[in-house]
Amino acid sequence: MQTVDLVIKDIAWLITVDPQRRIIRDAAIAVQAGKIVAVGKSADLAKNYTGKNTIDGRNTVATPGYVDCHLHSSFQLSRGLADEANAQSFLFDRMYPYEAALDGDDVRVSATLAATELLKHGVTCFIDPGNYHPEASVEGVMSTGIRMVVSRSSFDLTKSVLGLLPERMIENTATALERAEAVLEKYGKTGNPRLTASASFRGLNNASDELITGLDKLAKKYSTLLQTHACFSYSTHDSSIARGGLAEIERLEHLGVLDERMLIVHSGWLEPQEVAMLAKRKPSLVCAPSSSLHNGYGNFVVGKLPELIALGVNVAVGSDHASSGIVDMSQEMRLACCCYKETRINPRVMPPETGIEMATINGAKAALLDQRIGSIEVGKEADVVLFDTRRPEWQPLINPVANLVYSATGDSVRDVFVAGEHVVADGTLTKIDESKLYEEIPVAVSRFSKHLKVDQMVQLKWPVT
């Protein structure tokens, strides 16, 4: 009998997402030093393992921790500030002014809130596209126990067809590259397995060729991913062609940076030749369902992610930002699957298994972490989520995969483990005082609101008395 750090036993349904895609009834997981050492039937593991800590998994569905491949943690305090706005207004009238108004402490509070919401909804790792206070993001996020891929957001073109960046966000190419490398140097070599870094440029319309190729060189130098937004609306798609004669993916191919190390968010508005480029180069793509639906970007109407999946392209999912409402991967999975069924008028498109793969193993691959996380199998780090099925939306429990994608929400998450550490217990974070965080939020909002025309940003049409 081997004594290990943790045993989660009597799990009603264990969705492993392992190479065989096994679903194990009456399952158990044994964990030692943060890694999974055994997976199987509870009765079988009980013969060989006993835990210093034992968790009862009865009446739960267990999954690998979700990987949210795109979340602006500094935007978590922006709920209600960017509604009913098209792409141009959303960015240049709402979110860029909001971002420019934040100081380091505001970003820390926002990032802590983001990590809190992610963990409570079953996310154990997320990729942040960056902001101007990455050190504050790291401080807030790491306090919660979640995994993070941090980056520094980069622009070097102050003006695009869509608008002008706020003065505080304007940098030249050399400065942007220098500051991006400083983040890669500082956070790519910490020895903390929960913290990695990436290179990032926010979008193609505000990035020069020199910035994009320079960041690509940094990504290769530090063996990390290069991420950007692309093709998320007709406005950005059309302005890219108007500016340089090339669509966004086409431009990346022209610059020689389109490869499997790249992470491209949205990827809805594609020219026909760009589909072929993506199928050939195979970067990871991120579907951001609630973002497109909230802002009316049309990514489901014109997008080709089901076809790209069939062509072997890795597609993950991301919640994008709190300003589009939900930060809940279970709901994002449902939207990703069901919206393509609707637009294709085909119920067989995007089955729930695909949604779960997008949120777990595909996300881990996109983060370049699939050798460590993304599935529940021996040798991987123990990122595990337990969903409480003693809730009406989970019943009757005939098909746990369908229930997870089509009916459950993140609110049914009971317990979350990151590398075997119990970071959410019975729905509550274990490493931070949530009540203190909720006291800090209105203080931060009051502080940054002084620099914004909030009354012009909020779209509250009914009278407040």
Protein backbone atom coordinates (compact mmCIF):
# COMPACT_ATOMS: atom_id res chain seq x y z
CA MET A 1 0.00 0.00 0.00
CA GLN A 2 1.48 3.33 -1.12
CA THR A 3 0.67 6.53 0.74
CA VAL A 4 0.24 9.52 -1.58
CA ASP A 5 -0.57 13.18 -1.04
CA LEU A 6 -4.12 13.04 -2.38
CA VAL A 7 -6.76 10.54 -3.40
CA ILE A 8 -10.02 11.64 -4.98
CA LYS A 9 -12.28 8.60 -4.72
CA ASP A 10 -15.75 7.41 -5.67
CA ILE A 11 -16.10 9.88 -8.57
CA ALA A 12 -19.42 9.09 -10.23
CA TRP A 13 -18.17 9.91 -13.75
CA LEU A 14 -14.57 10.76 -14.68
CA ILE A 15 -14.17 12.36 -18.12
CA THR A 16 -10.45 11.87 -18.68
CA VAL A 17 -9.94 13.36 -22.19
CA ASP A 18 -6.97 10.99 -22.35
CA PRO A 19 -5.80 9.63 -25.75
CA GLN A 20 -8.51 6.95 -25.61
CA ARG A 21 -11.09 9.49 -24.40
CA ARG A 22 -12.11 7.16 -21.58
CA ILE A 23 -15.04 7.90 -19.29
CA ILE A 24 -14.64 5.94 -16.05
CA ARG A 25 -17.51 5.18 -13.67
CA ASP A 26 -16.87 4.96 -9.91
CA ALA A 27 -13.40 6.37 -10.51
CA ALA A 28 -10.47 7.52 -8.41
CA ILE A 29 -7.34 9.60 -8.96
CA ALA A 30 -4.14 9.29 -6.93
CA VAL A 31 -1.81 12.30 -6.75
CA GLN A 32 1.76 12.58 -5.48
CA ALA A 33 3.91 15.73 -5.58
CA GLY A 34 1.33 17.47 -7.75
CA LYS A 35 1.24 14.78 -10.44
CA ILE A 36 -1.22 12.03 -11.23
CA VAL A 37 0.23 8.62 -10.35
CA ALA A 38 -2.86 6.46 -10.90
CA VAL A 39 -6.28 6.69 -12.55
CA GLY A 40 -8.93 3.97 -12.53
CA LYS A 41 -11.76 2.36 -10.66
CA SER A 42 -12.03 3.35 -7.00
CA ALA A 43 -12.02 -0.26 -5.87
CA ASP A 44 -8.81 -0.97 -7.77
CA LEU A 45 -6.96 2.12 -6.52
CA ALA A 46 -8.05 1.42 -2.95
CA LYS A 47 -6.00 -1.79 -3.07
CA ASN A 48 -2.77 0.10 -3.76
CA TYR A 49 -3.10 3.71 -2.59
CA THR A 50 -4.09 5.54 0.53
CA GLY A 51 -4.15 9.32 0.70
CA LYS A 52 -2.81 11.72 3.31
CA ASN A 53 -5.78 13.74 2.10
CA THR A 54 -8.87 12.02 0.71
CA ILE A 55 -11.68 13.78 -1.15
CA ASP A 56 -15.11 12.19 -1.57
CA GLY A 57 -16.14 12.37 -5.21
CA ARG A 58 -19.58 10.86 -4.85
CA ASN A 59 -22.26 12.64 -6.88
CA THR A 60 -19.66 14.46 -8.96
CA VAL A 61 -18.50 14.55 -12.56
CA ALA A 62 -14.74 15.09 -12.78
CA THR A 63 -12.94 16.69 -15.71
CA PRO A 64 -9.50 18.04 -16.44
CA GLY A 65 -9.14 21.68 -15.48
CA TYR A 66 -10.38 23.97 -18.21
CA VAL A 67 -7.86 26.06 -20.16
CA ASP A 68 -9.26 29.48 -21.10
CA CYS A 69 -7.09 30.48 -24.04
CA HIS A 70 -8.05 34.13 -24.12
CA LEU A 71 -9.01 36.34 -21.20
CA HIS A 72 -8.10 40.00 -20.66
CA SER A 73 -7.70 39.90 -16.89
CA SER A 74 -7.36 43.69 -16.75
CA PHE A 75 -10.84 44.04 -18.33
CA GLN A 76 -12.62 42.30 -15.46
CA LEU A 77 -13.77 45.62 -14.00
CA SER A 78 -15.30 46.75 -17.31
CA ARG A 79 -18.68 45.03 -17.06
CA GLY A 80 -21.38 47.48 -18.11
CA LEU A 81 -19.00 49.90 -19.83
CA ALA A 82 -18.98 48.48 -23.36
CA ASP A 83 -22.47 47.32 -24.26
CA GLU A 84 -24.29 47.91 -27.57
CA ALA A 85 -21.11 49.06 -29.30
CA ASN A 86 -19.76 48.05 -32.70
CA ALA A 87 -16.12 47.02 -33.15
CA GLN A 88 -14.81 50.55 -33.64
CA SER A 89 -16.72 52.05 -30.75
CA PHE A 90 -16.06 49.06 -28.48
CA LEU A 91 -12.30 49.46 -28.89
CA PHE A 92 -11.67 53.16 -29.33
CA ASP A 93 -14.54 54.72 -27.37
CA ARG A 94 -14.78 52.20 -24.55
CA MET A 95 -12.07 49.64 -23.92
CA TYR A 96 -8.91 51.52 -24.90
CA PRO A 97 -9.89 54.58 -22.80
CA TYR A 98 -10.80 52.21 -19.95
CA GLU A 99 -7.46 50.42 -20.21
CA ALA A 100 -5.53 53.70 -20.36
CA ALA A 101 -7.25 54.84 -17.16
CA LEU A 102 -6.04 51.88 -15.08
CA ASP A 103 -3.10 52.10 -12.73
CA GLY A 104 -1.17 49.13 -11.39
CA ASP A 105 -3.38 48.63 -8.36
CA ASP A 106 -6.51 48.70 -10.51
CA VAL A 107 -5.01 45.98 -12.71
CA ARG A 108 -4.09 43.90 -9.66
CA VAL A 109 -7.66 44.03 -8.36
CA SER A 110 -9.10 43.30 -11.80
CA ALA A 111 -6.74 40.37 -12.38
CA THR A 112 -7.50 38.91 -8.96
CA LEU A 113 -11.22 39.12 -9.70
CA ALA A 114 -10.67 37.50 -13.10
CA ALA A 115 -8.72 34.61 -11.61
CA THR A 116 -11.36 34.20 -8.91
CA GLU A 117 -14.19 33.93 -11.43
CA LEU A 118 -12.17 31.58 -13.63
CA LEU A 119 -11.31 29.21 -10.78
CA LYS A 120 -14.85 29.15 -9.40
CA HIS A 121 -15.97 28.10 -12.90
CA GLY A 122 -13.42 25.32 -13.29
CA VAL A 123 -10.59 27.05 -15.18
CA THR A 124 -7.14 26.05 -13.93
CA CYS A 125 -5.06 27.82 -16.59
CA PHE A 126 -5.60 30.89 -18.76
CA ILE A 127 -3.76 32.90 -21.39
CA ASP A 128 -3.73 36.67 -20.92
CA PRO A 129 -3.15 38.77 -24.07
CA GLY A 130 -1.52 41.42 -21.93
CA ASN A 131 -1.80 44.96 -20.66
CA TYR A 132 0.53 47.74 -19.52
CA HIS A 133 0.95 46.52 -15.94
CA PRO A 134 1.87 42.82 -16.32
CA GLU A 135 3.60 42.74 -12.95
CA ALA A 136 0.33 43.75 -11.28
CA SER A 137 -1.52 41.05 -13.21
CA VAL A 138 0.96 38.44 -12.02
CA GLU A 139 0.67 39.60 -8.40
CA GLY A 140 -3.10 39.34 -8.40
CA VAL A 141 -3.42 36.14 -10.38
CA MET A 142 -0.70 34.15 -8.64
CA SER A 143 -2.27 34.83 -5.24
CA THR A 144 -5.22 32.62 -6.19
CA GLY A 145 -3.34 29.46 -7.22
CA ILE A 146 -4.39 29.39 -10.89
CA ARG A 147 -1.99 28.93 -13.82
CA MET A 148 -1.32 31.87 -16.11
CA VAL A 149 0.43 32.67 -19.38
CA VAL A 150 1.29 36.35 -18.97
CA SER A 151 2.31 38.80 -21.66
CA ARG A 152 2.72 42.49 -22.28
CA SER A 153 0.37 43.97 -24.83
CA SER A 154 2.14 45.63 -27.77
CA PHE A 155 1.07 48.32 -30.25
CA ASP A 156 3.32 50.61 -32.27
CA LEU A 157 0.97 52.18 -34.80
CA THR A 158 -0.98 54.91 -33.04
CA LYS A 159 -3.54 55.37 -35.79
CA SER A 160 -5.53 52.91 -37.84
CA VAL A 161 -8.59 53.12 -40.05
CA LEU A 162 -10.66 52.49 -36.91
CA GLY A 163 -9.26 55.25 -34.70
CA LEU A 164 -6.48 56.72 -32.57
CA LEU A 165 -5.00 55.05 -29.48
CA PRO A 166 -5.00 56.91 -26.14
CA GLU A 167 -1.74 58.74 -25.51
CA ARG A 168 -0.80 56.55 -22.54
CA MET A 169 -0.83 53.44 -24.76
CA ILE A 170 1.41 54.81 -27.54
CA GLU A 171 4.92 53.31 -27.90
CA ASN A 172 7.46 53.14 -30.69
CA THR A 173 8.57 49.79 -32.08
CA ALA A 174 11.86 49.60 -30.19
CA THR A 175 10.22 50.38 -26.84
CA ALA A 176 7.42 47.87 -27.42
CA LEU A 177 9.92 45.12 -28.24
CA GLU A 178 12.15 46.01 -25.30
CA ARG A 179 9.28 45.90 -22.82
CA ALA A 180 7.89 42.69 -24.31
CA GLU A 181 11.26 41.00 -23.91
CA ALA A 182 11.55 42.23 -20.32
CA VAL A 183 8.34 40.35 -19.49
CA LEU A 184 9.56 37.21 -21.26
CA GLU A 185 12.87 37.40 -19.42
CA LYS A 186 11.29 38.05 -16.03
CA TYR A 187 8.37 35.63 -16.11
CA GLY A 188 9.56 32.94 -18.50
CA LYS A 189 12.29 31.77 -16.14
CA THR A 190 10.79 32.02 -12.66
CA GLY A 191 10.81 28.30 -11.95
CA ASN A 192 7.14 28.63 -10.99
CA PRO A 193 5.31 25.89 -12.95
CA ARG A 194 2.08 27.87 -12.76
CA LEU A 195 3.52 30.92 -14.52
CA THR A 196 4.73 31.13 -18.10
CA ALA A 197 4.96 34.05 -20.53
CA SER A 198 4.25 34.78 -24.18
CA ALA A 199 4.80 37.44 -26.81
CA SER A 200 1.71 39.38 -27.84
CA PHE A 201 0.64 42.09 -30.22
CA ARG A 202 -2.92 43.23 -29.73
CA GLY A 203 -4.01 43.33 -33.37
CA LEU A 204 -2.71 43.69 -36.87
CA ASN A 205 -4.14 47.13 -37.59
CA ASN A 206 -2.04 48.77 -34.87
CA ALA A 207 1.12 46.70 -35.38
CA SER A 208 3.88 47.34 -37.89
CA ASP A 209 5.61 44.58 -39.81
CA GLU A 210 8.72 45.29 -37.72
CA LEU A 211 6.85 44.78 -34.46
CA ILE A 212 5.23 41.53 -35.62
CA THR A 213 8.46 39.99 -36.91
CA GLY A 214 10.36 41.25 -33.88
CA LEU A 215 7.90 39.62 -31.49
CA ASP A 216 8.05 36.43 -33.54
CA LYS A 217 11.82 36.35 -33.05
CA LEU A 218 11.35 36.85 -29.30
CA ALA A 219 8.80 34.04 -29.17
CA LYS A 220 11.27 31.71 -30.84
CA LYS A 221 14.13 32.91 -28.64
CA TYR A 222 12.18 32.20 -25.45
CA SER A 223 10.37 29.10 -26.82
CA THR A 224 6.93 30.54 -26.22
CA LEU A 225 3.83 31.32 -28.20
CA LEU A 226 3.04 34.48 -30.17
CA GLN A 227 -0.55 35.63 -29.78
CA THR A 228 -2.82 38.18 -31.41
CA HIS A 229 -6.41 39.04 -32.28
CA ALA A 230 -7.31 38.68 -35.94
CA CYS A 231 -10.34 38.61 -38.22
CA PHE A 232 -12.85 39.22 -35.45
CA SER A 233 -15.04 41.68 -37.32
CA TYR A 234 -15.71 42.94 -40.80
CA SER A 235 -14.26 46.32 -39.77
CA THR A 236 -10.83 44.98 -38.86
CA HIS A 237 -10.83 42.61 -41.81
CA ASP A 238 -11.69 45.32 -44.30
CA SER A 239 -9.36 47.95 -42.82
CA SER A 240 -6.43 45.52 -43.07
CA ILE A 241 -7.06 45.11 -46.78
CA ALA A 242 -7.57 48.85 -47.23
CA ARG A 243 -4.31 49.66 -45.46
CA GLY A 244 -1.92 47.15 -47.00
CA GLY A 245 -3.74 45.17 -49.64
CA LEU A 246 -3.58 41.98 -47.57
CA ALA A 247 -6.13 40.33 -45.32
CA GLU A 248 -4.95 39.64 -41.76
CA ILE A 249 -4.00 35.95 -41.99
CA GLU A 250 -2.58 36.61 -45.44
CA ARG A 251 -0.34 39.30 -43.97
CA LEU A 252 0.92 36.94 -41.25
CA GLU A 253 1.75 34.38 -43.92
CA HIS A 254 3.50 37.06 -45.99
CA LEU A 255 5.62 37.99 -42.95
CA GLY A 256 6.58 34.36 -42.35
CA VAL A 257 5.28 34.21 -38.78
CA LEU A 258 2.27 31.91 -39.27
CA ASP A 259 3.12 28.57 -37.67
CA GLU A 260 2.11 26.11 -34.95
CA ARG A 261 3.57 28.35 -32.24
CA MET A 262 1.08 31.09 -33.03
CA LEU A 263 -2.22 31.67 -31.18
CA ILE A 264 -4.86 33.58 -33.15
CA VAL A 265 -8.02 34.72 -31.40
CA HIS A 266 -11.40 34.91 -33.20
CA SER A 267 -10.41 34.09 -36.82
CA GLY A 268 -13.93 34.54 -38.14
CA TRP A 269 -13.62 36.80 -41.17
CA LEU A 270 -11.41 34.82 -43.55
CA GLU A 271 -10.70 35.09 -47.26
CA PRO A 272 -10.85 31.71 -49.06
CA GLN A 273 -7.07 31.56 -49.48
CA GLU A 274 -6.63 32.18 -45.75
CA VAL A 275 -8.48 28.96 -44.93
CA ALA A 276 -5.85 27.10 -46.95
CA MET A 277 -3.05 28.98 -45.17
CA LEU A 278 -4.41 28.06 -41.74
CA ALA A 279 -4.85 24.44 -42.76
CA LYS A 280 -1.25 24.34 -43.98
CA ARG A 281 0.51 26.24 -41.17
CA LYS A 282 -1.75 25.03 -38.33
CA PRO A 283 -1.56 27.78 -35.73
CA SER A 284 -3.93 27.37 -32.80
CA LEU A 285 -7.20 29.27 -33.16
CA VAL A 286 -9.39 30.48 -30.31
CA CYS A 287 -13.16 30.65 -30.55
CA ALA A 288 -14.53 33.45 -28.34
CA PRO A 289 -18.29 32.84 -28.49
CA SER A 290 -19.77 35.30 -25.99
CA SER A 291 -17.55 38.09 -27.30
CA SER A 292 -18.82 37.71 -30.87
CA LEU A 293 -22.45 37.35 -29.79
CA HIS A 294 -22.33 40.33 -27.42
CA ASN A 295 -20.79 42.68 -29.99
CA GLY A 296 -22.42 41.26 -33.11
CA TYR A 297 -19.13 40.46 -34.82
CA GLY A 298 -20.64 37.73 -37.00
CA ASN A 299 -18.00 35.11 -36.34
CA PHE A 300 -20.56 32.30 -36.27
CA VAL A 301 -22.28 33.53 -39.42
CA VAL A 302 -19.11 33.67 -41.51
CA GLY A 303 -16.65 31.64 -39.42
CA LYS A 304 -15.23 28.32 -40.53
CA LEU A 305 -13.96 26.77 -37.31
CA PRO A 306 -15.80 23.42 -37.74
CA GLU A 307 -14.23 23.04 -41.16
CA LEU A 308 -10.81 24.06 -39.85
CA ILE A 309 -11.11 21.48 -37.06
CA ALA A 310 -11.87 18.86 -39.73
CA LEU A 311 -8.73 20.02 -41.57
CA GLY A 312 -6.61 19.29 -38.49
CA VAL A 313 -6.28 22.80 -37.08
CA ASN A 314 -6.18 23.02 -33.28
CA VAL A 315 -9.14 25.08 -32.05
CA ALA A 316 -9.55 26.11 -28.41
CA VAL A 317 -12.00 28.41 -26.64
CA GLY A 318 -11.73 31.64 -24.68
CA SER A 319 -14.07 33.88 -22.72
CA ASP A 320 -12.28 37.08 -23.88
CA HIS A 321 -13.43 39.63 -21.30
CA ALA A 322 -16.02 40.42 -18.66
CA SER A 323 -17.33 43.33 -20.74
CA SER A 324 -19.13 40.76 -22.91
CA GLY A 325 -20.84 39.28 -19.87
CA ILE A 326 -19.98 35.72 -18.93
CA VAL A 327 -16.58 34.40 -17.89
CA ASP A 328 -17.72 30.80 -17.73
CA MET A 329 -16.14 28.14 -19.92
CA SER A 330 -19.07 25.76 -19.56
CA GLN A 331 -21.34 28.38 -21.11
CA GLU A 332 -18.72 29.25 -23.73
CA MET A 333 -18.59 25.58 -24.78
CA ARG A 334 -22.35 25.50 -25.20
CA LEU A 335 -22.31 28.65 -27.32
CA ALA A 336 -19.43 27.40 -29.47
CA CYS A 337 -21.21 24.13 -30.21
CA CYS A 338 -24.79 25.34 -30.53
CA CYS A 339 -24.20 28.52 -32.51
CA TYR A 340 -22.47 26.57 -35.26
CA LYS A 341 -25.35 24.06 -35.27
CA GLU A 342 -27.71 26.97 -35.81
CA THR A 343 -25.74 28.74 -38.52
CA ARG A 344 -25.03 25.48 -40.36
CA ILE A 345 -28.60 24.24 -39.81
CA ASN A 346 -26.96 20.95 -38.88
CA PRO A 347 -27.30 19.37 -35.41
CA ARG A 348 -24.38 17.04 -36.07
CA VAL A 349 -21.87 19.90 -36.29
CA MET A 350 -19.74 20.48 -33.18
CA PRO A 351 -20.87 17.68 -30.86
CA PRO A 352 -20.36 18.15 -27.11
CA GLU A 353 -17.20 16.02 -27.16
CA THR A 354 -15.62 18.64 -29.42
CA GLY A 355 -16.58 21.38 -26.99
CA ILE A 356 -14.90 19.58 -24.10
CA GLU A 357 -11.77 18.94 -26.16
CA MET A 358 -11.61 22.63 -27.06
CA ALA A 359 -11.80 23.61 -23.39
CA THR A 360 -9.22 21.06 -22.17
CA ILE A 361 -6.63 19.27 -24.28
CA ASN A 362 -6.88 21.65 -27.25
CA GLY A 363 -6.47 24.60 -24.91
CA ALA A 364 -3.44 22.99 -23.30
CA LYS A 365 -1.92 22.44 -26.74
CA ALA A 366 -2.58 26.07 -27.67
CA ALA A 367 -0.77 27.15 -24.51
CA LEU A 368 2.14 24.80 -25.37
CA LEU A 369 1.37 22.93 -22.15
CA ASP A 370 -0.29 19.75 -23.44
CA GLN A 371 2.54 17.56 -22.15
CA ARG A 372 1.72 18.76 -18.62
CA ILE A 373 -2.02 19.49 -18.43
CA GLY A 374 -5.27 19.18 -20.40
CA SER A 375 -6.20 15.58 -19.58
CA ILE A 376 -6.37 13.26 -16.60
CA GLU A 377 -3.70 10.65 -17.16
CA VAL A 378 -0.69 9.28 -15.31
CA GLY A 379 2.31 11.60 -15.42
CA LYS A 380 0.39 14.81 -15.95
CA GLU A 381 -0.08 17.49 -13.33
CA ALA A 382 -3.23 17.08 -11.27
CA ASP A 383 -5.48 19.85 -12.53
CA VAL A 384 -8.91 18.42 -11.73
CA VAL A 385 -12.42 19.87 -11.44
CA LEU A 386 -15.35 18.26 -9.60
CA PHE A 387 -18.85 19.31 -10.66
CA ASP A 388 -21.65 18.83 -8.14
CA THR A 389 -24.39 16.84 -9.87
CA ARG A 390 -26.88 17.24 -7.02
CA ARG A 391 -28.34 20.17 -8.88
CA PRO A 392 -31.39 20.28 -11.16
CA GLU A 393 -29.45 21.19 -14.31
CA TRP A 394 -27.40 18.00 -13.97
CA GLN A 395 -30.37 15.66 -13.64
CA PRO A 396 -31.10 13.10 -14.84
CA LEU A 397 -27.47 12.12 -15.34
CA ILE A 398 -27.61 9.80 -18.34
CA ASN A 399 -24.91 11.35 -20.52
CA PRO A 400 -22.39 13.41 -18.53
CA VAL A 401 -20.76 14.83 -21.66
CA ALA A 402 -24.05 16.23 -22.93
CA ASN A 403 -25.03 17.51 -19.49
CA LEU A 404 -21.69 19.25 -19.07
CA VAL A 405 -21.91 21.13 -22.38
CA TYR A 406 -25.63 21.59 -22.92
CA SER A 407 -27.06 22.14 -19.45
CA ALA A 408 -24.43 22.76 -16.78
CA THR A 409 -22.83 26.08 -15.91
CA GLY A 410 -19.70 26.89 -13.99
CA ASP A 411 -21.84 27.57 -10.95
CA SER A 412 -21.99 23.80 -10.39
CA VAL A 413 -18.23 23.57 -9.80
CA ARG A 414 -17.64 22.22 -6.31
CA ASP A 415 -13.90 21.62 -6.04
CA VAL A 416 -10.86 22.61 -8.09
CA PHE A 417 -7.33 21.26 -7.82
CA VAL A 418 -4.26 22.80 -9.47
CA ALA A 419 -1.23 20.51 -9.37
CA GLY A 420 -3.05 18.63 -6.62
CA GLU A 421 -3.56 21.74 -4.50
CA HIS A 422 -7.14 22.28 -3.34
CA VAL A 423 -7.63 25.86 -4.58
CA VAL A 424 -11.46 25.82 -4.59
CA ALA A 425 -13.22 23.88 -1.84
CA ASP A 426 -16.99 23.63 -1.84
CA GLY A 427 -17.20 26.62 -4.17
CA THR A 428 -14.89 28.92 -2.20
CA LEU A 429 -11.30 29.91 -2.96
CA THR A 430 -8.87 28.63 -0.35
CA LYS A 431 -5.86 30.92 -0.93
CA ILE A 432 -7.40 34.40 -0.81
CA ASP A 433 -10.07 36.16 1.23
CA GLU A 434 -12.85 36.75 -1.28
CA SER A 435 -14.64 39.20 1.02
CA LYS A 436 -11.57 41.46 1.05
CA LEU A 437 -11.44 41.36 -2.75
CA TYR A 438 -15.08 42.44 -3.02
CA GLU A 439 -14.29 45.40 -0.75
CA GLU A 440 -11.42 46.46 -3.03
CA ILE A 441 -13.45 46.40 -6.24
CA PRO A 442 -15.61 49.54 -5.71
CA VAL A 443 -12.52 51.45 -4.56
CA ALA A 444 -10.71 50.59 -7.78
CA VAL A 445 -13.77 51.41 -9.91
CA SER A 446 -14.12 54.78 -8.21
CA ARG A 447 -10.43 55.49 -8.78
CA PHE A 448 -10.24 54.78 -12.52
CA SER A 449 -13.72 56.17 -13.26
CA LYS A 450 -12.41 59.66 -12.55
CA HIS A 451 -10.50 59.44 -15.84
CA LEU A 452 -13.46 58.25 -17.92
CA LYS A 453 -16.71 59.68 -19.23
CA VAL A 454 -18.63 56.86 -17.61
CA ASP A 455 -22.05 58.41 -18.23
CA GLN A 456 -21.36 58.25 -21.97
CA MET A 457 -20.16 54.64 -21.79
CA VAL A 458 -22.98 53.08 -19.78
CA GLN A 459 -26.02 52.19 -21.89
CA LEU A 460 -28.62 52.18 -19.11
CA LYS A 461 -31.81 53.33 -20.82
CA TRP A 462 -34.30 53.00 -17.97
CA PRO A 463 -34.51 55.67 -15.26
CA VAL A 464 -32.70 55.17 -11.98
CA THR A 465 -34.38 56.72 -8.96
